[in-house]
Structures are given as C-alpha cells and as structure tokens.
Amino acid sequence: MFGTLLQAGYDCIPINPNETAVAGIPAFASLPEAVAATGTFDIVDVFRRSELCVEHAREAVATGASCLWLQLGVANWEAARIAADGGLAVVMDRCTAIEVNRMQRAGPA
C-alpha cells in the first residue's frame, strides 16, 4: 500500500514508534511529532485494530488533518464521530491503494 501511494505521487510519512524508516523514508514515533517536523497532514491513514482508533482520531483533529482514513477491515464509530465533529472527512473500511488504483483506471472526471 505504501509503495502504491508513493508511486502515484503522494507524499507519505510513516508513523510507527517501532521503526526508524519505512521504504527509506524516516518514520516518526507519533502523529504530533511528525506534524511538528513536516507540517499538517491531509490524510491520517490508520492501520490499527478498530478499538485503538479513538486516540488517533483525537490526534488527527488536534493536529489539523483534513481526513481520518481507517483502512480496510477497520471501523470505529466513536473515532468517526470525533473526527467528523472536528471537521474532518471520515473514511472507514477502505484501502487507499485500492482507491488510488480505481481512480487511475477511471481516468479524469
């Protein structure tokens, strides 16, 4: 997924406290740390178990993201409510790589 987004021209910043880099891109331990170093994110793309998403929704709102995206198989209505109440678009149970590929096949609107 990460590689698909990079190949499509998206800037991707990995956030994982257990990694120092992903695909050669420096990783950050937390969303606030990444935002402090790189600026606000358009999409916070979450790959965590559904029950762990509430804190990520709060961080996405607090750091000024535009969208909270919970990956395929991940859904949490409390996290969605927090993000929506904070003005973010919300996507749940969808894969960004699948959607990018679908949009590329569809061509310009």
N, C-alpha and C. Protein backbone atom coordinates (compact mmCIF):
# COMPACT_ATOMS: atom_id res chain seq x y z
N MET A 1 0.82 -1.18 0.00
CA MET A 1 0.00 0.00 0.00
C MET A 1 0.87 1.25 0.00
N PHE A 2 1.83 1.33 0.89
CA PHE A 2 2.71 2.49 0.99
C PHE A 2 3.38 2.76 -0.35
N GLY A 3 3.91 1.70 -0.96
CA GLY A 3 4.58 1.83 -2.26
C GLY A 3 3.65 2.29 -3.35
N THR A 4 2.42 1.81 -3.33
CA THR A 4 1.43 2.22 -4.33
C THR A 4 1.18 3.72 -4.25
N LEU A 5 1.02 4.23 -3.05
CA LEU A 5 0.77 5.66 -2.88
C LEU A 5 1.99 6.49 -3.29
N LEU A 6 3.17 6.03 -2.94
CA LEU A 6 4.39 6.73 -3.34
C LEU A 6 4.51 6.76 -4.86
N GLN A 7 4.27 5.62 -5.51
CA GLN A 7 4.36 5.55 -6.97
C GLN A 7 3.31 6.44 -7.64
N ALA A 8 2.18 6.65 -6.99
CA ALA A 8 1.13 7.51 -7.54
C ALA A 8 1.43 8.99 -7.31
N GLY A 9 2.53 9.29 -6.62
CA GLY A 9 2.94 10.67 -6.43
C GLY A 9 2.53 11.30 -5.12
N TYR A 10 2.00 10.51 -4.20
CA TYR A 10 1.60 11.04 -2.90
C TYR A 10 2.79 11.10 -1.96
N ASP A 11 2.84 12.15 -1.14
CA ASP A 11 3.82 12.22 -0.06
C ASP A 11 3.28 11.38 1.09
N CYS A 12 4.08 10.47 1.58
CA CYS A 12 3.68 9.59 2.68
C CYS A 12 4.71 9.69 3.79
N ILE A 13 4.24 9.87 5.00
CA ILE A 13 5.11 9.97 6.17
C ILE A 13 4.74 8.83 7.11
N PRO A 14 5.63 7.85 7.29
CA PRO A 14 5.30 6.74 8.19
C PRO A 14 5.36 7.16 9.65
N ILE A 15 4.38 6.66 10.41
CA ILE A 15 4.35 6.90 11.85
C ILE A 15 4.26 5.55 12.53
N ASN A 16 5.33 5.19 13.20
CA ASN A 16 5.41 3.91 13.88
C ASN A 16 6.52 4.01 14.92
N PRO A 17 6.18 3.90 16.19
CA PRO A 17 7.21 4.04 17.22
C PRO A 17 8.24 2.92 17.21
N ASN A 18 7.99 1.87 16.45
CA ASN A 18 8.91 0.74 16.39
C ASN A 18 9.84 0.76 15.18
N GLU A 19 9.71 1.77 14.33
CA GLU A 19 10.52 1.85 13.11
C GLU A 19 11.26 3.18 13.06
N THR A 20 12.42 3.18 12.42
CA THR A 20 13.15 4.43 12.18
C THR A 20 12.94 4.91 10.75
N ALA A 21 12.59 3.98 9.85
CA ALA A 21 12.33 4.33 8.46
C ALA A 21 11.47 3.24 7.82
N VAL A 22 10.68 3.64 6.83
CA VAL A 22 9.88 2.70 6.04
C VAL A 22 10.10 3.08 4.58
N ALA A 23 10.51 2.11 3.78
CA ALA A 23 10.81 2.35 2.36
C ALA A 23 11.79 3.50 2.18
N GLY A 24 12.74 3.62 3.11
CA GLY A 24 13.75 4.66 3.03
C GLY A 24 13.30 6.03 3.50
N ILE A 25 12.06 6.14 3.97
CA ILE A 25 11.52 7.42 4.44
C ILE A 25 11.56 7.41 5.97
N PRO A 26 12.13 8.44 6.58
CA PRO A 26 12.19 8.47 8.05
C PRO A 26 10.81 8.35 8.68
N ALA A 27 10.71 7.52 9.70
CA ALA A 27 9.46 7.32 10.43
C ALA A 27 9.48 8.13 11.72
N PHE A 28 8.30 8.50 12.17
CA PHE A 28 8.14 9.25 13.41
C PHE A 28 7.41 8.39 14.43
N ALA A 29 7.65 8.67 15.69
CA ALA A 29 7.04 7.88 16.76
C ALA A 29 5.57 8.20 16.98
N SER A 30 5.14 9.42 16.60
CA SER A 30 3.75 9.82 16.84
C SER A 30 3.31 10.83 15.79
N LEU A 31 2.01 10.98 15.65
CA LEU A 31 1.47 11.97 14.71
C LEU A 31 1.88 13.39 15.10
N PRO A 32 1.75 13.79 16.36
CA PRO A 32 2.19 15.15 16.71
C PRO A 32 3.67 15.40 16.39
N GLU A 33 4.51 14.40 16.60
CA GLU A 33 5.93 14.55 16.29
C GLU A 33 6.13 14.73 14.78
N ALA A 34 5.41 13.94 13.98
CA ALA A 34 5.52 14.04 12.53
C ALA A 34 5.03 15.40 12.03
N VAL A 35 3.92 15.87 12.56
CA VAL A 35 3.38 17.17 12.15
C VAL A 35 4.35 18.29 12.53
N ALA A 36 4.96 18.21 13.70
CA ALA A 36 5.92 19.23 14.12
C ALA A 36 7.11 19.29 13.15
N ALA A 37 7.50 18.14 12.60
CA ALA A 37 8.65 18.09 11.72
C ALA A 37 8.32 18.37 10.26
N THR A 38 7.11 18.00 9.82
CA THR A 38 6.82 18.05 8.39
C THR A 38 5.64 18.94 8.00
N GLY A 39 4.82 19.32 8.97
CA GLY A 39 3.63 20.12 8.67
C GLY A 39 2.37 19.27 8.73
N THR A 40 1.24 19.93 8.57
CA THR A 40 -0.07 19.29 8.70
C THR A 40 -0.28 18.24 7.62
N PHE A 41 -1.00 17.19 7.98
CA PHE A 41 -1.31 16.11 7.04
C PHE A 41 -2.69 16.32 6.44
N ASP A 42 -2.83 15.97 5.17
CA ASP A 42 -4.16 15.95 4.56
C ASP A 42 -4.94 14.75 5.08
N ILE A 43 -4.33 13.58 4.99
CA ILE A 43 -4.99 12.33 5.38
C ILE A 43 -4.16 11.63 6.44
N VAL A 44 -4.82 11.26 7.53
CA VAL A 44 -4.21 10.38 8.53
C VAL A 44 -4.78 9.00 8.26
N ASP A 45 -3.95 8.13 7.72
CA ASP A 45 -4.34 6.80 7.25
C ASP A 45 -3.96 5.79 8.34
N VAL A 46 -4.96 5.20 8.99
CA VAL A 46 -4.73 4.40 10.20
C VAL A 46 -4.77 2.91 9.90
N PHE A 47 -3.71 2.23 10.24
CA PHE A 47 -3.59 0.77 10.15
C PHE A 47 -3.48 0.22 11.57
N ARG A 48 -4.54 0.23 12.31
CA ARG A 48 -4.56 -0.29 13.68
C ARG A 48 -5.85 -1.06 13.87
N ARG A 49 -5.89 -1.86 14.92
CA ARG A 49 -7.15 -2.53 15.26
C ARG A 49 -8.20 -1.48 15.55
N SER A 50 -9.43 -1.79 15.20
CA SER A 50 -10.53 -0.83 15.33
C SER A 50 -10.62 -0.21 16.71
N GLU A 51 -10.44 -0.99 17.75
CA GLU A 51 -10.61 -0.49 19.11
C GLU A 51 -9.50 0.49 19.52
N LEU A 52 -8.45 0.62 18.72
CA LEU A 52 -7.34 1.52 19.05
C LEU A 52 -7.41 2.86 18.30
N CYS A 53 -8.47 3.10 17.56
CA CYS A 53 -8.53 4.25 16.65
C CYS A 53 -8.98 5.56 17.28
N VAL A 54 -9.59 5.52 18.45
CA VAL A 54 -10.12 6.74 19.06
C VAL A 54 -9.01 7.75 19.30
N GLU A 55 -7.91 7.33 19.86
CA GLU A 55 -6.82 8.26 20.14
C GLU A 55 -6.25 8.84 18.84
N HIS A 56 -6.21 8.05 17.79
CA HIS A 56 -5.71 8.55 16.50
C HIS A 56 -6.67 9.60 15.93
N ALA A 57 -7.95 9.42 16.15
CA ALA A 57 -8.93 10.41 15.70
C ALA A 57 -8.70 11.72 16.46
N ARG A 58 -8.50 11.64 17.75
CA ARG A 58 -8.25 12.84 18.55
C ARG A 58 -6.98 13.56 18.07
N GLU A 59 -5.94 12.80 17.81
CA GLU A 59 -4.69 13.39 17.33
C GLU A 59 -4.87 14.03 15.95
N ALA A 60 -5.63 13.37 15.08
CA ALA A 60 -5.86 13.91 13.74
C ALA A 60 -6.58 15.26 13.83
N VAL A 61 -7.57 15.34 14.71
CA VAL A 61 -8.28 16.61 14.91
C VAL A 61 -7.32 17.66 15.49
N ALA A 62 -6.60 17.28 16.52
CA ALA A 62 -5.72 18.23 17.22
C ALA A 62 -4.60 18.76 16.33
N THR A 63 -4.17 17.97 15.36
CA THR A 63 -3.05 18.39 14.51
C THR A 63 -3.51 19.03 13.21
N GLY A 64 -4.83 19.17 13.02
CA GLY A 64 -5.34 19.89 11.86
C GLY A 64 -5.42 19.11 10.57
N ALA A 65 -5.52 17.79 10.65
CA ALA A 65 -5.66 16.98 9.44
C ALA A 65 -6.99 17.28 8.76
N SER A 66 -7.10 16.89 7.50
CA SER A 66 -8.34 17.09 6.74
C SER A 66 -9.22 15.85 6.71
N CYS A 67 -8.59 14.68 6.89
CA CYS A 67 -9.34 13.42 6.74
C CYS A 67 -8.76 12.36 7.66
N LEU A 68 -9.64 11.60 8.29
CA LEU A 68 -9.25 10.39 9.02
C LEU A 68 -9.68 9.21 8.16
N TRP A 69 -8.72 8.39 7.77
CA TRP A 69 -8.99 7.24 6.91
C TRP A 69 -8.63 5.98 7.69
N LEU A 70 -9.61 5.13 7.94
CA LEU A 70 -9.38 3.85 8.61
C LEU A 70 -9.36 2.77 7.54
N GLN A 71 -8.29 2.03 7.51
CA GLN A 71 -8.04 1.08 6.44
C GLN A 71 -9.04 -0.07 6.37
N LEU A 72 -8.93 -0.85 5.32
CA LEU A 72 -9.80 -1.99 5.06
C LEU A 72 -9.85 -2.89 6.29
N GLY A 73 -11.06 -3.18 6.75
CA GLY A 73 -11.26 -4.01 7.93
C GLY A 73 -11.26 -3.24 9.24
N VAL A 74 -11.07 -1.92 9.17
CA VAL A 74 -11.00 -1.10 10.38
C VAL A 74 -12.19 -0.14 10.39
N ALA A 75 -12.99 -0.21 11.45
CA ALA A 75 -14.13 0.70 11.62
C ALA A 75 -14.32 0.98 13.11
N ASN A 76 -14.52 2.24 13.43
CA ASN A 76 -14.76 2.63 14.81
C ASN A 76 -15.64 3.88 14.78
N TRP A 77 -16.90 3.73 15.18
CA TRP A 77 -17.86 4.82 15.10
C TRP A 77 -17.55 5.96 16.06
N GLU A 78 -16.96 5.67 17.20
CA GLU A 78 -16.58 6.75 18.12
C GLU A 78 -15.46 7.58 17.50
N ALA A 79 -14.47 6.92 16.90
CA ALA A 79 -13.40 7.65 16.22
C ALA A 79 -13.97 8.48 15.07
N ALA A 80 -14.91 7.91 14.33
CA ALA A 80 -15.54 8.63 13.22
C ALA A 80 -16.27 9.87 13.72
N ARG A 81 -16.98 9.74 14.83
CA ARG A 81 -17.71 10.88 15.40
C ARG A 81 -16.75 11.97 15.84
N ILE A 82 -15.67 11.59 16.51
CA ILE A 82 -14.67 12.56 16.98
C ILE A 82 -14.10 13.31 15.78
N ALA A 83 -13.72 12.59 14.76
CA ALA A 83 -13.14 13.22 13.57
C ALA A 83 -14.16 14.11 12.86
N ALA A 84 -15.37 13.61 12.66
CA ALA A 84 -16.40 14.41 11.97
C ALA A 84 -16.74 15.65 12.77
N ASP A 85 -16.88 15.51 14.09
CA ASP A 85 -17.16 16.67 14.94
C ASP A 85 -16.03 17.69 14.88
N GLY A 86 -14.81 17.22 14.61
CA GLY A 86 -13.65 18.10 14.48
C GLY A 86 -13.48 18.67 13.08
N GLY A 87 -14.43 18.38 12.19
CA GLY A 87 -14.40 18.95 10.85
C GLY A 87 -13.66 18.12 9.81
N LEU A 88 -13.26 16.90 10.16
CA LEU A 88 -12.54 16.06 9.22
C LEU A 88 -13.50 15.22 8.39
N ALA A 89 -13.13 14.94 7.17
CA ALA A 89 -13.80 13.90 6.39
C ALA A 89 -13.42 12.57 7.02
N VAL A 90 -14.29 11.58 6.91
CA VAL A 90 -14.02 10.27 7.51
C VAL A 90 -14.27 9.18 6.48
N VAL A 91 -13.32 8.26 6.38
CA VAL A 91 -13.46 7.08 5.54
C VAL A 91 -13.13 5.88 6.42
N MET A 92 -13.97 4.86 6.38
CA MET A 92 -13.70 3.65 7.17
C MET A 92 -13.81 2.42 6.27
N ASP A 93 -13.01 1.42 6.62
CA ASP A 93 -13.08 0.12 5.96
C ASP A 93 -12.82 0.22 4.45
N ARG A 94 -11.87 1.07 4.07
CA ARG A 94 -11.48 1.22 2.67
C ARG A 94 -9.97 1.27 2.60
N CYS A 95 -9.42 0.77 1.51
CA CYS A 95 -7.96 0.76 1.31
C CYS A 95 -7.56 1.89 0.37
N THR A 96 -6.64 2.74 0.81
CA THR A 96 -6.20 3.85 -0.03
C THR A 96 -5.58 3.37 -1.33
N ALA A 97 -4.80 2.30 -1.29
CA ALA A 97 -4.18 1.79 -2.52
C ALA A 97 -5.22 1.30 -3.51
N ILE A 98 -6.24 0.60 -3.04
CA ILE A 98 -7.32 0.14 -3.92
C ILE A 98 -8.03 1.34 -4.53
N GLU A 99 -8.29 2.36 -3.73
CA GLU A 99 -8.99 3.54 -4.24
C GLU A 99 -8.15 4.32 -5.24
N VAL A 100 -6.84 4.44 -5.00
CA VAL A 100 -5.95 5.11 -5.95
C VAL A 100 -5.95 4.35 -7.27
N ASN A 101 -5.83 3.03 -7.21
CA ASN A 101 -5.85 2.23 -8.44
C ASN A 101 -7.18 2.37 -9.17
N ARG A 102 -8.28 2.39 -8.44
CA ARG A 102 -9.60 2.54 -9.04
C ARG A 102 -9.71 3.90 -9.74
N MET A 103 -9.25 4.95 -9.09
CA MET A 103 -9.31 6.29 -9.70
C MET A 103 -8.43 6.39 -10.93
N GLN A 104 -7.26 5.75 -10.90
CA GLN A 104 -6.37 5.78 -12.06
C GLN A 104 -7.00 5.05 -13.25
N ARG A 105 -7.68 3.93 -12.99
CA ARG A 105 -8.35 3.20 -14.07
C ARG A 105 -9.51 4.00 -14.65
N ALA A 106 -10.19 4.75 -13.78
CA ALA A 106 -11.37 5.52 -14.22
C ALA A 106 -10.96 6.72 -15.07
N GLY A 107 -9.76 7.24 -14.86
CA GLY A 107 -9.32 8.40 -15.63
C GLY A 107 -9.91 9.69 -15.11
N PRO A 108 -9.67 10.79 -15.82
CA PRO A 108 -10.18 12.10 -15.38
C PRO A 108 -11.69 12.15 -15.35
N ALA A 109 -12.20 12.90 -14.41
CA ALA A 109 -13.66 13.03 -14.26
C ALA A 109 -14.24 13.94 -15.32
